[in-house]
Amino acid sequence: MTLNEMARMGGIARAKAHSKAEIRAWGRQGGRPGKLDRKAVARLSKLLASGKSQAECASILGVSARTVGRVVSQMKRRENGL
């Protein structure tokens, strides 16, 4: 069995186990959850508002710049109501 066939079977199994609405909702969530808790997200918002870059915020919070970027994009989606 090829890798492509195995991947397709995984999608078929998910489609049989879950409704289309559930799968669409997961797609809108944007992948895995953020590593930061609510307090850290609030602190991140304050740091960004004070003019810090995402890389500076990441070093202050002790996470990667990609984690900060992911959380910022989630915050922007929530602001826009998506």
N, C-alpha and C. Protein backbone atom coordinates (compact mmCIF):
# COMPACT_ATOMS: atom_id res chain seq x y z
N MET A 1 0.86 -1.17 0.00
CA MET A 1 0.00 0.00 0.00
C MET A 1 0.90 1.23 0.00
N THR A 2 0.59 2.19 -0.84
CA THR A 2 1.41 3.39 -0.92
C THR A 2 1.03 4.37 0.18
N LEU A 3 1.91 5.34 0.40
CA LEU A 3 1.67 6.37 1.41
C LEU A 3 0.43 7.19 1.06
N ASN A 4 0.26 7.45 -0.21
CA ASN A 4 -0.90 8.21 -0.67
C ASN A 4 -2.20 7.46 -0.37
N GLU A 5 -2.20 6.16 -0.60
CA GLU A 5 -3.40 5.35 -0.30
C GLU A 5 -3.69 5.33 1.19
N MET A 6 -2.64 5.23 2.00
CA MET A 6 -2.83 5.24 3.45
C MET A 6 -3.40 6.58 3.92
N ALA A 7 -2.89 7.67 3.37
CA ALA A 7 -3.39 8.99 3.75
C ALA A 7 -4.85 9.16 3.35
N ARG A 8 -5.19 8.68 2.16
CA ARG A 8 -6.57 8.76 1.70
C ARG A 8 -7.49 7.94 2.59
N MET A 9 -7.04 6.77 3.03
CA MET A 9 -7.86 5.94 3.91
C MET A 9 -8.09 6.63 5.25
N GLY A 10 -7.08 7.38 5.74
CA GLY A 10 -7.25 8.12 7.00
C GLY A 10 -8.34 9.15 6.87
N GLY A 11 -8.37 9.85 5.73
CA GLY A 11 -9.41 10.84 5.49
C GLY A 11 -10.78 10.21 5.39
N ILE A 12 -10.85 9.05 4.76
CA ILE A 12 -12.11 8.33 4.63
C ILE A 12 -12.61 7.89 6.00
N ALA A 13 -11.69 7.40 6.83
CA ALA A 13 -12.08 6.95 8.18
C ALA A 13 -12.60 8.13 9.00
N ARG A 14 -11.92 9.29 8.89
CA ARG A 14 -12.41 10.48 9.61
C ARG A 14 -13.77 10.90 9.09
N ALA A 15 -13.96 10.84 7.78
CA ALA A 15 -15.23 11.24 7.19
C ALA A 15 -16.37 10.34 7.65
N LYS A 16 -16.08 9.05 7.83
CA LYS A 16 -17.12 8.14 8.30
C LYS A 16 -17.42 8.34 9.78
N ALA A 17 -16.40 8.71 10.57
CA ALA A 17 -16.57 8.83 12.01
C ALA A 17 -17.14 10.17 12.45
N HIS A 18 -16.98 11.21 11.62
CA HIS A 18 -17.41 12.55 12.02
C HIS A 18 -18.23 13.21 10.92
N SER A 19 -19.07 14.14 11.33
CA SER A 19 -19.91 14.85 10.35
C SER A 19 -19.09 15.90 9.60
N LYS A 20 -19.61 16.33 8.49
CA LYS A 20 -18.93 17.37 7.71
C LYS A 20 -18.80 18.66 8.50
N ALA A 21 -19.81 18.96 9.32
CA ALA A 21 -19.78 20.18 10.12
C ALA A 21 -18.63 20.13 11.14
N GLU A 22 -18.44 18.96 11.76
CA GLU A 22 -17.33 18.82 12.73
C GLU A 22 -15.98 18.99 12.04
N ILE A 23 -15.83 18.40 10.89
CA ILE A 23 -14.56 18.47 10.16
C ILE A 23 -14.29 19.90 9.73
N ARG A 24 -15.32 20.62 9.27
CA ARG A 24 -15.16 22.03 8.88
C ARG A 24 -14.77 22.87 10.09
N ALA A 25 -15.39 22.61 11.24
CA ALA A 25 -15.07 23.37 12.46
C ALA A 25 -13.62 23.16 12.85
N TRP A 26 -13.13 21.94 12.76
CA TRP A 26 -11.72 21.68 13.08
C TRP A 26 -10.81 22.42 12.12
N GLY A 27 -11.19 22.49 10.85
CA GLY A 27 -10.39 23.19 9.87
C GLY A 27 -10.31 24.69 10.15
N ARG A 28 -11.38 25.25 10.68
CA ARG A 28 -11.40 26.68 11.01
C ARG A 28 -10.57 26.99 12.24
N GLN A 29 -10.39 26.02 13.12
CA GLN A 29 -9.62 26.25 14.33
C GLN A 29 -8.14 26.48 14.03
N GLY A 30 -7.66 26.00 12.93
CA GLY A 30 -6.30 26.28 12.54
C GLY A 30 -5.26 25.38 13.17
N GLY A 31 -5.52 24.12 13.30
CA GLY A 31 -4.49 23.19 13.76
C GLY A 31 -4.45 23.01 15.26
N ARG A 32 -3.26 22.70 15.73
CA ARG A 32 -3.11 22.38 17.14
C ARG A 32 -3.32 23.62 18.02
N PRO A 33 -3.70 23.40 19.27
CA PRO A 33 -3.95 24.53 20.16
C PRO A 33 -2.67 25.26 20.52
N GLY A 34 -2.79 26.53 20.87
CA GLY A 34 -1.63 27.30 21.27
C GLY A 34 -1.06 26.84 22.59
N LYS A 35 0.22 27.06 22.78
CA LYS A 35 0.90 26.63 23.98
C LYS A 35 0.66 27.60 25.14
N LEU A 36 0.25 28.80 24.84
CA LEU A 36 0.10 29.82 25.86
C LEU A 36 -1.27 29.75 26.52
N ASP A 37 -1.29 29.92 27.84
CA ASP A 37 -2.57 29.96 28.56
C ASP A 37 -3.13 31.38 28.49
N ARG A 38 -4.27 31.59 29.13
CA ARG A 38 -4.95 32.89 29.03
C ARG A 38 -4.11 34.02 29.60
N LYS A 39 -3.44 33.77 30.72
CA LYS A 39 -2.61 34.82 31.32
C LYS A 39 -1.46 35.20 30.40
N ALA A 40 -0.85 34.19 29.78
CA ALA A 40 0.27 34.46 28.87
C ALA A 40 -0.21 35.19 27.62
N VAL A 41 -1.41 34.85 27.14
CA VAL A 41 -1.96 35.54 25.97
C VAL A 41 -2.25 37.00 26.32
N ALA A 42 -2.77 37.25 27.52
CA ALA A 42 -3.03 38.62 27.95
C ALA A 42 -1.71 39.40 28.06
N ARG A 43 -0.70 38.75 28.60
CA ARG A 43 0.62 39.40 28.70
C ARG A 43 1.19 39.67 27.30
N LEU A 44 1.00 38.72 26.39
CA LEU A 44 1.46 38.89 25.01
C LEU A 44 0.77 40.10 24.38
N SER A 45 -0.51 40.25 24.60
CA SER A 45 -1.24 41.40 24.05
C SER A 45 -0.66 42.71 24.56
N LYS A 46 -0.35 42.75 25.86
CA LYS A 46 0.23 43.97 26.44
C LYS A 46 1.61 44.25 25.86
N LEU A 47 2.41 43.20 25.70
CA LEU A 47 3.75 43.37 25.15
C LEU A 47 3.69 43.88 23.71
N LEU A 48 2.78 43.32 22.92
CA LEU A 48 2.64 43.76 21.53
C LEU A 48 2.14 45.20 21.47
N ALA A 49 1.21 45.55 22.37
CA ALA A 49 0.68 46.92 22.40
C ALA A 49 1.75 47.93 22.80
N SER A 50 2.73 47.48 23.59
CA SER A 50 3.80 48.39 24.01
C SER A 50 4.88 48.54 22.94
N GLY A 51 4.73 47.83 21.81
CA GLY A 51 5.65 48.00 20.70
C GLY A 51 6.71 46.93 20.55
N LYS A 52 6.63 45.87 21.35
CA LYS A 52 7.60 44.78 21.22
C LYS A 52 7.32 43.97 19.96
N SER A 53 8.38 43.42 19.38
CA SER A 53 8.20 42.55 18.21
C SER A 53 7.77 41.16 18.67
N GLN A 54 7.31 40.36 17.73
CA GLN A 54 6.90 39.00 18.08
C GLN A 54 8.09 38.19 18.59
N ALA A 55 9.27 38.41 18.02
CA ALA A 55 10.47 37.69 18.46
C ALA A 55 10.85 38.08 19.89
N GLU A 56 10.74 39.37 20.21
CA GLU A 56 11.03 39.82 21.58
C GLU A 56 10.03 39.24 22.57
N CYS A 57 8.77 39.23 22.17
CA CYS A 57 7.72 38.65 23.04
C CYS A 57 7.99 37.17 23.27
N ALA A 58 8.42 36.47 22.23
CA ALA A 58 8.70 35.04 22.37
C ALA A 58 9.81 34.79 23.37
N SER A 59 10.87 35.58 23.32
CA SER A 59 11.97 35.37 24.27
C SER A 59 11.55 35.72 25.68
N ILE A 60 10.71 36.74 25.85
CA ILE A 60 10.23 37.11 27.18
C ILE A 60 9.34 36.02 27.76
N LEU A 61 8.46 35.45 26.92
CA LEU A 61 7.51 34.43 27.39
C LEU A 61 8.12 33.03 27.43
N GLY A 62 9.28 32.85 26.82
CA GLY A 62 9.94 31.55 26.84
C GLY A 62 9.36 30.53 25.88
N VAL A 63 8.84 31.02 24.75
CA VAL A 63 8.32 30.13 23.71
C VAL A 63 8.97 30.52 22.39
N SER A 64 8.69 29.75 21.35
CA SER A 64 9.28 30.06 20.04
C SER A 64 8.52 31.20 19.37
N ALA A 65 9.19 31.81 18.41
CA ALA A 65 8.56 32.89 17.65
C ALA A 65 7.38 32.36 16.84
N ARG A 66 7.47 31.12 16.40
CA ARG A 66 6.35 30.52 15.65
C ARG A 66 5.12 30.35 16.54
N THR A 67 5.34 30.00 17.81
CA THR A 67 4.21 29.88 18.74
C THR A 67 3.53 31.23 18.91
N VAL A 68 4.34 32.27 19.08
CA VAL A 68 3.77 33.62 19.21
C VAL A 68 3.02 33.99 17.94
N GLY A 69 3.59 33.70 16.79
CA GLY A 69 2.93 34.00 15.53
C GLY A 69 1.60 33.29 15.39
N ARG A 70 1.57 32.03 15.83
CA ARG A 70 0.32 31.26 15.76
C ARG A 70 -0.74 31.87 16.66
N VAL A 71 -0.34 32.27 17.87
CA VAL A 71 -1.29 32.85 18.82
C VAL A 71 -1.78 34.20 18.30
N VAL A 72 -0.88 34.99 17.72
CA VAL A 72 -1.28 36.29 17.17
C VAL A 72 -2.28 36.10 16.04
N SER A 73 -2.05 35.13 15.17
CA SER A 73 -3.00 34.90 14.08
C SER A 73 -4.34 34.44 14.62
N GLN A 74 -4.35 33.63 15.68
CA GLN A 74 -5.61 33.22 16.29
C GLN A 74 -6.34 34.41 16.90
N MET A 75 -5.57 35.32 17.52
CA MET A 75 -6.18 36.52 18.11
C MET A 75 -6.80 37.38 17.02
N LYS A 76 -6.11 37.53 15.87
CA LYS A 76 -6.64 38.34 14.78
C LYS A 76 -7.91 37.72 14.20
N ARG A 77 -7.93 36.38 14.10
CA ARG A 77 -9.13 35.71 13.58
C ARG A 77 -10.31 35.95 14.51
N ARG A 78 -10.07 35.90 15.82
CA ARG A 78 -11.16 36.13 16.78
C ARG A 78 -11.67 37.56 16.68
N GLU A 79 -10.73 38.52 16.49
CA GLU A 79 -11.14 39.91 16.35
C GLU A 79 -12.02 40.13 15.12
N ASN A 80 -11.70 39.43 14.06
CA ASN A 80 -12.44 39.58 12.81
C ASN A 80 -13.69 38.72 12.78
N GLY A 81 -13.91 37.92 13.79
CA GLY A 81 -15.11 37.11 13.86
C GLY A 81 -15.09 35.89 12.95
N LEU A 82 -13.91 35.39 12.63
CA LEU A 82 -13.82 34.22 11.74
C LEU A 82 -13.74 32.94 12.52
